N, C-alpha and C. Protein backbone atom coordinates (compact mmCIF):
# COMPACT_ATOMS: atom_id res chain seq x y z
N MET A 1 18.79 -149.14 246.30
CA MET A 1 19.71 -149.00 244.49
C MET A 1 18.42 -147.96 244.08
N ARG A 2 17.27 -148.60 244.02
CA ARG A 2 16.13 -148.17 243.14
C ARG A 2 15.26 -147.16 243.31
N ARG A 3 15.01 -147.63 244.62
CA ARG A 3 14.80 -146.58 245.55
C ARG A 3 15.32 -144.95 245.98
N LEU A 4 17.12 -144.98 246.21
CA LEU A 4 17.55 -144.22 245.47
C LEU A 4 17.35 -143.61 244.26
N PHE A 5 17.15 -144.10 243.02
CA PHE A 5 17.15 -143.21 241.66
C PHE A 5 15.45 -142.80 242.63
N THR A 6 14.74 -143.57 242.54
CA THR A 6 12.83 -143.07 242.35
C THR A 6 13.30 -141.71 243.31
N LEU A 7 13.71 -141.56 244.62
CA LEU A 7 14.48 -140.52 245.20
C LEU A 7 14.93 -139.04 244.67
N ALA A 8 15.72 -139.74 244.02
CA ALA A 8 16.69 -138.53 243.28
C ALA A 8 16.05 -137.97 242.36
N GLY A 9 14.90 -139.03 241.26
CA GLY A 9 13.74 -138.62 240.47
C GLY A 9 13.12 -137.27 240.83
N LEU A 10 12.22 -137.97 242.87
CA LEU A 10 11.58 -137.03 242.86
C LEU A 10 11.71 -135.80 243.63
N VAL A 11 12.84 -135.26 243.74
CA VAL A 11 13.64 -134.15 244.30
C VAL A 11 13.70 -133.38 242.66
N LEU A 12 14.27 -133.48 242.35
CA LEU A 12 14.21 -133.15 240.57
C LEU A 12 13.34 -132.67 240.60
N PHE A 13 12.30 -133.69 240.51
CA PHE A 13 10.32 -133.53 240.19
C PHE A 13 10.44 -132.11 240.71
N LEU A 14 10.57 -132.04 241.80
CA LEU A 14 9.79 -131.02 242.72
C LEU A 14 10.72 -129.93 242.31
N ALA A 15 11.69 -130.23 242.65
CA ALA A 15 12.79 -128.87 241.94
C ALA A 15 12.25 -127.75 241.15
N ALA A 16 12.51 -128.98 239.50
CA ALA A 16 12.04 -128.53 238.28
C ALA A 16 11.48 -126.77 238.35
N PRO A 17 10.27 -126.64 239.40
CA PRO A 17 9.28 -124.98 238.92
C PRO A 17 10.24 -124.29 239.50
N TRP A 18 10.76 -124.45 240.37
CA TRP A 18 11.31 -123.49 241.05
C TRP A 18 13.36 -123.06 240.51
N MET A 19 13.24 -124.45 240.16
CA MET A 19 14.78 -124.10 239.00
C MET A 19 14.69 -123.44 238.13
N SER A 20 13.49 -123.38 237.25
CA SER A 20 13.11 -123.13 235.99
C SER A 20 12.65 -121.20 235.95
N GLY A 21 11.81 -121.04 237.59
CA GLY A 21 12.50 -119.82 238.06
C GLY A 21 13.35 -118.64 238.35
N VAL A 22 14.06 -119.35 238.28
CA VAL A 22 15.58 -119.17 238.70
C VAL A 22 15.93 -118.42 237.42
N ALA A 23 15.88 -119.69 236.36
CA ALA A 23 16.23 -119.28 235.19
C ALA A 23 15.75 -118.49 234.18
N GLU A 24 14.62 -117.33 234.37
CA GLU A 24 13.70 -117.44 234.05
C GLU A 24 14.00 -115.23 234.29
N ALA A 25 14.20 -116.00 236.07
CA ALA A 25 13.98 -113.94 236.88
C ALA A 25 15.91 -113.67 236.05
N ALA A 26 16.57 -114.91 235.76
CA ALA A 26 17.98 -114.24 235.16
C ALA A 26 18.18 -113.81 233.52
N ALA A 27 17.05 -113.62 232.61
CA ALA A 27 16.90 -113.46 232.21
C ALA A 27 16.39 -112.06 231.83
N PRO A 28 16.80 -111.21 230.57
CA PRO A 28 16.28 -109.75 230.87
C PRO A 28 15.24 -109.59 230.44
N VAL A 29 14.55 -108.30 231.22
CA VAL A 29 13.15 -108.06 230.88
C VAL A 29 13.52 -106.34 230.37
N ILE A 30 13.17 -106.41 228.66
CA ILE A 30 13.08 -104.84 227.98
C ILE A 30 11.78 -103.83 228.35
N GLN A 31 12.01 -103.36 229.11
CA GLN A 31 10.85 -102.03 229.63
C GLN A 31 10.81 -101.06 228.45
N LEU A 32 12.21 -100.62 228.33
CA LEU A 32 11.78 -99.38 227.34
C LEU A 32 13.39 -98.85 226.47
N ALA A 33 12.99 -98.95 225.52
CA ALA A 33 15.00 -98.39 224.62
C ALA A 33 13.91 -97.47 223.81
N LYS A 34 15.19 -96.31 224.13
CA LYS A 34 15.28 -95.72 223.87
C LYS A 34 15.98 -94.10 223.15
N VAL A 35 16.13 -93.50 222.14
CA VAL A 35 16.58 -92.90 221.68
C VAL A 35 17.33 -91.30 222.72
N LEU A 36 17.91 -91.16 223.14
CA LEU A 36 18.88 -89.93 224.38
C LEU A 36 19.22 -89.05 223.34
N LYS A 37 19.97 -88.84 222.52
CA LYS A 37 20.91 -88.21 221.81
C LYS A 37 20.27 -88.13 219.82
N ALA A 38 20.64 -87.31 219.50
CA ALA A 38 21.27 -87.70 217.84
C ALA A 38 21.87 -86.54 217.33
N GLY A 39 23.13 -87.02 216.01
CA GLY A 39 23.42 -86.51 215.30
C GLY A 39 25.29 -86.10 215.86
N ARG A 40 25.43 -84.23 215.94
CA ARG A 40 27.28 -84.43 215.17
C ARG A 40 27.95 -84.80 217.02
N TYR A 41 29.05 -85.31 216.97
CA TYR A 41 30.02 -85.56 218.30
C TYR A 41 31.77 -85.47 218.29
N GLU A 42 31.67 -85.78 218.89
CA GLU A 42 32.53 -85.20 219.18
C GLU A 42 33.70 -86.17 220.21
N ALA A 43 34.81 -86.56 220.07
CA ALA A 43 34.82 -88.07 221.56
C ALA A 43 37.02 -88.11 221.14
N LYS A 44 36.82 -88.66 222.34
CA LYS A 44 38.69 -88.97 222.53
C LYS A 44 38.91 -90.16 221.92
N LEU A 45 39.95 -90.39 220.86
CA LEU A 45 40.16 -91.83 220.67
C LEU A 45 40.85 -92.24 221.72
N ILE A 46 40.96 -93.65 222.13
CA ILE A 46 41.28 -94.19 222.92
C ILE A 46 41.81 -95.58 222.16
N LYS A 47 41.56 -95.94 221.27
CA LYS A 47 42.16 -97.76 221.09
C LYS A 47 41.42 -97.88 219.47
N ARG A 48 42.47 -97.89 218.20
CA ARG A 48 42.09 -98.72 217.50
C ARG A 48 41.69 -99.89 216.73
N LYS A 49 40.62 -100.69 216.40
CA LYS A 49 41.09 -101.77 216.29
C LYS A 49 40.13 -102.07 214.56
N PRO A 50 41.39 -102.67 214.13
CA PRO A 50 41.36 -102.77 212.50
C PRO A 50 40.24 -103.97 212.80
N GLY A 51 39.81 -104.31 210.97
CA GLY A 51 38.69 -105.37 211.10
C GLY A 51 39.40 -106.39 209.73
N GLY A 52 39.63 -106.70 209.44
CA GLY A 52 39.65 -107.92 207.78
C GLY A 52 38.40 -108.61 207.49
N GLY A 53 39.07 -107.92 206.16
CA GLY A 53 37.96 -108.35 204.53
C GLY A 53 37.17 -107.49 204.91
N GLN A 54 36.47 -108.35 204.22
CA GLN A 54 34.85 -106.90 204.88
C GLN A 54 34.88 -105.98 205.82
N GLN A 55 34.84 -106.72 207.07
CA GLN A 55 34.68 -106.09 208.05
C GLN A 55 35.91 -104.54 207.61
N SER A 56 34.70 -103.41 208.46
CA SER A 56 35.54 -102.53 209.20
C SER A 56 35.95 -102.39 210.09
N ARG A 57 37.23 -101.28 210.35
CA ARG A 57 38.07 -101.05 212.05
C ARG A 57 36.90 -100.46 212.34
N ARG A 58 37.10 -101.05 213.58
CA ARG A 58 36.24 -100.60 215.00
C ARG A 58 37.31 -100.42 215.81
N ASN A 59 36.73 -98.08 215.97
CA ASN A 59 37.59 -97.46 216.84
C ASN A 59 37.21 -97.04 218.49
N ILE A 60 37.93 -97.24 219.22
CA ILE A 60 36.29 -96.87 220.75
C ILE A 60 37.48 -95.82 221.06
N TYR A 61 36.04 -95.06 221.37
CA TYR A 61 35.93 -93.70 221.95
C TYR A 61 35.97 -93.48 223.54
N GLU A 62 36.41 -92.56 223.26
CA GLU A 62 35.71 -91.89 225.30
C GLU A 62 35.02 -90.43 225.15
N ARG A 63 34.57 -90.10 226.20
CA ARG A 63 34.49 -88.49 226.74
C ARG A 63 32.90 -87.79 225.48
N PHE A 64 32.61 -88.52 225.10
CA PHE A 64 31.43 -88.64 223.51
C PHE A 64 31.07 -86.97 224.52
N LYS A 65 30.90 -86.04 223.32
CA LYS A 65 30.27 -84.65 223.83
C LYS A 65 29.71 -84.86 222.18
N PHE A 66 28.17 -84.11 222.01
CA PHE A 66 27.15 -84.14 221.74
C PHE A 66 26.69 -82.44 221.24
N VAL A 67 27.60 -81.97 219.85
CA VAL A 67 27.95 -80.96 219.27
C VAL A 67 26.73 -79.83 218.68
N GLU A 68 26.05 -81.19 218.11
CA GLU A 68 24.36 -80.52 216.92
C GLU A 68 23.73 -81.97 217.08
N GLU A 69 22.25 -81.51 217.71
CA GLU A 69 21.11 -82.51 217.45
C GLU A 69 20.82 -82.23 216.43
N THR A 70 20.66 -83.45 215.49
CA THR A 70 20.05 -83.46 214.09
C THR A 70 20.53 -84.31 213.12
N THR A 71 18.96 -84.61 212.69
CA THR A 71 19.65 -85.55 211.05
C THR A 71 20.51 -85.82 209.98
N ARG A 72 20.85 -84.64 209.83
CA ARG A 72 21.52 -84.56 208.81
C ARG A 72 23.11 -83.86 208.98
N ILE A 73 23.68 -84.64 208.02
CA ILE A 73 25.69 -84.55 208.22
C ILE A 73 26.26 -84.24 207.54
N PRO A 74 26.21 -83.23 207.49
CA PRO A 74 26.92 -83.22 206.01
C PRO A 74 28.42 -83.61 206.31
N ALA A 75 29.02 -84.28 205.09
CA ALA A 75 29.84 -85.38 204.69
C ALA A 75 31.47 -84.31 204.47
N ILE A 76 31.82 -84.05 205.86
CA ILE A 76 33.04 -83.26 205.94
C ILE A 76 33.49 -84.65 206.32
N LYS A 77 34.86 -84.81 205.63
CA LYS A 77 36.31 -85.58 206.85
C LYS A 77 36.35 -85.33 207.89
N GLY A 78 36.49 -86.15 209.73
CA GLY A 78 36.48 -85.65 210.01
C GLY A 78 35.24 -85.85 211.38
N TYR A 79 34.11 -85.60 210.58
CA TYR A 79 32.90 -85.47 211.78
C TYR A 79 32.55 -86.94 211.65
N ARG A 80 31.82 -86.50 212.78
CA ARG A 80 30.75 -88.02 213.66
C ARG A 80 30.74 -88.28 214.29
N PHE A 81 29.04 -88.94 214.03
CA PHE A 81 27.91 -88.46 213.24
C PHE A 81 26.58 -90.45 214.53
N GLY A 82 26.01 -89.84 215.48
CA GLY A 82 25.47 -91.66 215.92
C GLY A 82 24.38 -90.89 216.55
N LEU A 83 24.49 -91.63 217.71
CA LEU A 83 23.03 -92.25 218.53
C LEU A 83 23.61 -92.08 220.28
N ARG A 84 22.98 -91.84 221.13
CA ARG A 84 22.87 -92.28 222.63
C ARG A 84 21.89 -92.84 222.87
N PHE A 85 21.89 -93.55 223.24
CA PHE A 85 20.64 -94.41 223.53
C PHE A 85 20.60 -95.49 225.04
N ILE A 86 19.33 -95.71 225.80
CA ILE A 86 19.50 -96.21 227.08
C ILE A 86 17.98 -97.37 226.46
N ILE A 87 19.11 -98.86 227.34
CA ILE A 87 17.79 -99.73 227.43
C ILE A 87 17.62 -99.61 228.58
N VAL A 88 16.45 -99.45 229.07
CA VAL A 88 16.00 -100.14 230.01
C VAL A 88 14.99 -101.42 230.84
N GLY A 89 15.77 -102.02 231.68
CA GLY A 89 14.99 -103.67 231.62
C GLY A 89 15.61 -103.94 233.37
N GLU A 90 15.30 -105.20 234.16
CA GLU A 90 15.91 -105.83 234.96
C GLU A 90 16.10 -106.88 233.92
N PRO A 91 16.95 -107.96 235.05
CA PRO A 91 18.05 -107.33 236.34
C PRO A 91 18.62 -106.11 235.68
N ALA A 92 18.68 -104.55 236.80
CA ALA A 92 19.65 -103.71 236.43
C ALA A 92 20.91 -104.22 236.12
N TYR A 93 21.43 -103.28 235.30
CA TYR A 93 23.53 -103.47 234.88
C TYR A 93 23.33 -104.69 234.50
N LYS A 94 22.47 -105.70 233.87
CA LYS A 94 22.86 -107.01 233.34
C LYS A 94 23.46 -106.73 232.22
N GLU A 95 24.84 -107.28 231.27
CA GLU A 95 25.76 -107.28 231.11
C GLU A 95 24.70 -108.01 229.60
N VAL A 96 24.35 -106.96 228.34
CA VAL A 96 23.51 -108.06 227.08
C VAL A 96 24.18 -107.34 226.15
N GLU A 97 24.08 -108.92 224.94
CA GLU A 97 24.70 -108.32 224.08
C GLU A 97 23.76 -107.93 222.79
N LEU A 98 24.75 -107.15 222.32
CA LEU A 98 23.67 -106.26 221.21
C LEU A 98 24.78 -105.69 220.06
N ARG A 99 23.60 -106.73 218.75
CA ARG A 99 23.56 -106.66 217.43
C ARG A 99 23.08 -105.44 216.66
N ILE A 100 24.64 -104.48 216.35
CA ILE A 100 24.18 -103.46 215.44
C ILE A 100 24.63 -103.41 214.20
N PHE A 101 23.69 -102.46 213.09
CA PHE A 101 23.42 -102.91 211.93
C PHE A 101 23.71 -101.44 212.05
N ARG A 102 24.21 -101.23 210.94
CA ARG A 102 24.08 -99.67 209.84
C ARG A 102 24.69 -100.10 208.36
N HIS A 103 23.07 -99.38 208.16
CA HIS A 103 22.67 -99.30 205.96
C HIS A 103 23.20 -98.04 206.19
N HIS A 104 24.15 -98.54 204.83
CA HIS A 104 24.91 -96.93 204.38
C HIS A 104 25.07 -97.25 202.84
N PRO A 105 24.65 -95.61 202.30
CA PRO A 105 24.77 -96.01 200.77
C PRO A 105 26.35 -97.03 200.57
N PRO A 106 26.43 -97.13 199.67
CA PRO A 106 27.58 -97.79 198.45
C PRO A 106 28.23 -97.18 198.75
N VAL A 107 29.47 -98.15 199.22
CA VAL A 107 31.43 -97.99 199.58
C VAL A 107 31.99 -98.31 199.73
N LYS A 108 32.97 -98.34 198.88
CA LYS A 108 33.64 -98.56 198.33
C LYS A 108 35.09 -98.50 198.57
N LYS A 109 35.94 -99.03 199.55
CA LYS A 109 37.49 -99.00 199.65
C LYS A 109 38.14 -99.29 198.92
N PRO A 110 39.18 -98.69 199.38
CA PRO A 110 40.65 -98.68 197.81
C PRO A 110 40.96 -100.05 197.69
N GLY A 111 41.59 -100.62 196.80
CA GLY A 111 42.36 -102.35 196.32
C GLY A 111 40.68 -102.84 197.08
N SER A 112 39.76 -103.09 197.20
CA SER A 112 37.88 -103.90 197.39
C SER A 112 37.69 -103.59 195.98
N GLN A 113 37.05 -105.22 195.81
CA GLN A 113 36.67 -105.25 194.31
C GLN A 113 35.07 -105.18 194.91
N HIS A 114 34.85 -104.94 195.90
CA HIS A 114 32.88 -105.02 196.12
C HIS A 114 32.95 -103.78 196.61
N ALA A 115 31.17 -102.84 196.96
CA ALA A 115 30.87 -102.45 197.71
C ALA A 115 30.43 -102.61 198.32
N SER A 116 30.43 -101.97 199.78
CA SER A 116 29.38 -102.49 200.40
C SER A 116 27.81 -101.96 201.06
N ARG A 117 27.13 -102.04 201.84
CA ARG A 117 26.24 -101.04 202.05
C ARG A 117 25.58 -101.38 203.19
N LEU A 118 26.58 -102.38 203.93
CA LEU A 118 25.82 -102.43 205.47
C LEU A 118 27.11 -102.90 206.42
N THR A 119 27.22 -102.44 207.70
CA THR A 119 28.46 -102.98 208.86
C THR A 119 27.15 -103.06 209.81
N THR A 120 27.74 -104.46 210.22
CA THR A 120 27.36 -105.25 211.45
C THR A 120 28.28 -105.63 212.23
N TYR A 121 28.21 -104.87 213.71
CA TYR A 121 28.90 -106.23 214.21
C TYR A 121 28.28 -106.32 216.40
N THR A 122 28.69 -107.33 216.84
CA THR A 122 27.82 -107.16 217.86
C THR A 122 29.06 -106.24 218.97
N ARG A 123 28.25 -106.17 220.17
CA ARG A 123 28.76 -105.22 221.16
C ARG A 123 27.88 -106.22 222.76
N LYS A 124 29.45 -105.12 223.61
CA LYS A 124 28.27 -105.99 225.16
C LYS A 124 27.71 -104.82 225.84
N ALA A 125 26.66 -104.90 226.33
CA ALA A 125 26.35 -103.45 226.94
C ALA A 125 25.71 -103.49 228.08
N GLN A 126 25.08 -103.05 229.48
CA GLN A 126 24.76 -103.10 230.67
C GLN A 126 23.22 -102.04 230.63
N LEU A 127 22.08 -102.59 230.52
CA LEU A 127 21.60 -102.23 231.07
C LEU A 127 21.26 -101.55 231.50
N ASN A 128 20.26 -100.49 231.40
CA ASN A 128 20.18 -98.81 232.34
C ASN A 128 21.02 -98.01 232.47
N ILE A 129 22.15 -98.33 231.16
CA ILE A 129 23.16 -97.42 231.31
C ILE A 129 23.49 -96.81 230.24
N ALA A 130 23.11 -95.59 229.54
CA ALA A 130 23.31 -94.74 227.83
C ALA A 130 24.40 -95.49 227.27
N GLN A 131 24.39 -95.75 226.19
CA GLN A 131 25.29 -96.15 225.51
C GLN A 131 25.72 -94.97 224.30
N VAL A 132 26.44 -95.02 223.01
CA VAL A 132 26.91 -94.24 222.47
C VAL A 132 27.29 -95.69 221.24
N ILE A 133 26.62 -95.55 219.77
CA ILE A 133 26.86 -95.85 219.04
C ILE A 133 26.73 -94.38 217.50
N GLY A 134 28.36 -94.31 216.65
CA GLY A 134 28.24 -94.32 215.40
C GLY A 134 29.03 -94.54 213.95
N TYR A 135 29.38 -93.01 213.68
CA TYR A 135 30.60 -93.66 212.49
C TYR A 135 30.93 -91.71 212.32
N GLY A 136 32.36 -92.38 211.84
CA GLY A 136 33.11 -90.69 211.00
C GLY A 136 33.43 -91.22 210.11
N PHE A 137 34.10 -89.81 209.59
CA PHE A 137 34.52 -89.67 208.38
C PHE A 137 35.58 -89.65 208.79
N ASP A 138 36.48 -90.35 208.12
CA ASP A 138 37.90 -90.68 208.58
C ASP A 138 39.31 -90.81 207.20
N GLU A 139 38.10 -91.04 205.85
CA GLU A 139 38.32 -91.02 204.20
C GLU A 139 37.93 -90.92 204.17
N ASP A 140 38.30 -89.88 202.62
CA ASP A 140 37.92 -88.96 201.03
C ASP A 140 36.84 -90.18 201.28
N TRP A 141 37.50 -91.54 200.29
CA TRP A 141 35.94 -92.48 200.08
C TRP A 141 34.59 -92.68 201.10
N GLU A 142 35.11 -92.47 201.99
CA GLU A 142 33.41 -92.05 202.83
C GLU A 142 32.71 -91.38 202.74
N LEU A 143 32.98 -90.31 202.36
CA LEU A 143 32.90 -88.77 201.50
C LEU A 143 31.37 -89.12 200.94
N VAL A 144 30.35 -90.07 201.11
CA VAL A 144 29.52 -90.54 200.27
C VAL A 144 27.95 -89.56 200.78
N PRO A 145 27.06 -89.75 199.88
CA PRO A 145 25.69 -88.79 200.49
C PRO A 145 25.02 -89.87 200.41
N GLY A 146 24.35 -89.50 201.92
CA GLY A 146 23.06 -90.71 201.75
C GLY A 146 21.97 -90.84 202.89
N GLU A 147 21.56 -91.75 202.75
CA GLU A 147 20.63 -91.95 204.44
C GLU A 147 21.80 -93.52 205.02
N HIS A 148 22.02 -92.67 206.47
CA HIS A 148 23.14 -93.83 206.81
C HIS A 148 22.05 -94.17 208.29
N ARG A 149 21.55 -95.56 207.74
CA ARG A 149 19.90 -96.12 209.43
C ARG A 149 20.62 -96.79 209.96
N PHE A 150 21.50 -96.50 211.62
CA PHE A 150 20.54 -97.44 212.68
C PHE A 150 20.57 -97.89 212.69
N GLN A 151 20.64 -99.74 213.49
CA GLN A 151 19.29 -100.25 213.51
C GLN A 151 19.89 -100.85 214.75
N VAL A 152 19.26 -101.29 216.15
CA VAL A 152 19.90 -101.98 217.67
C VAL A 152 19.42 -103.34 217.48
N TYR A 153 19.17 -104.20 218.08
CA TYR A 153 19.01 -105.48 217.87
C TYR A 153 19.19 -105.83 219.05
N MET A 154 18.35 -107.08 219.98
CA MET A 154 18.39 -107.82 221.02
C MET A 154 18.21 -109.17 220.42
N GLY A 155 19.14 -110.11 220.35
CA GLY A 155 17.97 -110.99 219.66
C GLY A 155 17.06 -110.78 218.72
N PRO A 156 16.34 -111.48 219.04
CA PRO A 156 15.66 -111.35 217.21
C PRO A 156 14.14 -110.21 217.24
N GLN A 157 14.54 -109.44 218.69
CA GLN A 157 13.86 -108.17 219.09
C GLN A 157 14.77 -107.07 218.25
N LYS A 158 13.95 -106.13 217.52
CA LYS A 158 14.72 -104.68 216.93
C LYS A 158 14.01 -103.73 217.91
N LEU A 159 15.44 -103.17 219.02
CA LEU A 159 15.45 -102.15 220.05
C LEU A 159 15.13 -100.37 219.43
N ILE A 160 15.85 -100.54 218.56
CA ILE A 160 15.96 -98.93 217.90
C ILE A 160 16.72 -99.17 216.71
N GLU A 161 16.41 -97.28 216.54
CA GLU A 161 16.96 -97.20 215.27
C GLU A 161 16.57 -96.01 215.20
N GLN A 162 17.81 -95.76 214.34
CA GLN A 162 17.90 -93.88 213.91
C GLN A 162 18.44 -93.97 211.94
N VAL A 163 17.95 -92.71 212.04
CA VAL A 163 18.40 -92.61 210.80
C VAL A 163 18.65 -91.52 209.77
N PHE A 164 20.36 -90.85 209.50
CA PHE A 164 20.70 -89.87 209.23
C PHE A 164 20.72 -89.83 207.79
N THR A 165 20.32 -88.51 207.31
CA THR A 165 20.88 -87.98 205.95
C THR A 165 22.69 -87.30 205.89
N VAL A 166 23.19 -88.10 204.87
CA VAL A 166 24.60 -87.00 205.32
C VAL A 166 24.35 -86.61 203.75
N TYR A 167 24.33 -85.53 203.82
CA TYR A 167 24.33 -84.43 202.45
C TYR A 167 25.41 -83.70 201.80
N LYS A 168 25.97 -83.42 200.70
CA LYS A 168 26.73 -82.78 200.15
C LYS A 168 27.73 -81.62 200.80
N PRO A 169 28.26 -81.15 201.26
CA PRO A 169 28.09 -79.79 201.51
C PRO A 169 28.25 -78.36 200.79
């Protein structure tokens, strides 16, 4: 019996370098992250996801069309702005989890006691496939001029940052 445990230990010892190589190969290697377009866009709403508490709602869109490449955005109800970006890496098309931060001027939702300056959420994305993140002015109380800073993180690493200046037209 003791010989069986020794043999099992030897097999695990010899296989450990091979097994760690497999685990390392599965971890994504990021080669490049870049903004492809930034500005105003139009898109088709396909699903509304209400948020709770300080978490704002998240709407899901498709058929994004950038209508103006700019970092200066007029605060007009119905306007949407954001960025299309890509994260190039291996293994190709691996799904990764991204953390999205949007720092913005203080906005106070009606009925809320506190103004918000930061919106954050996570989303799944695939390497080597372009992604779009953005924000839209759906309510009058959102029409606040100032800086909107989008940041995309994977783990502790900041991959993308894009700044927009919202102004009163």
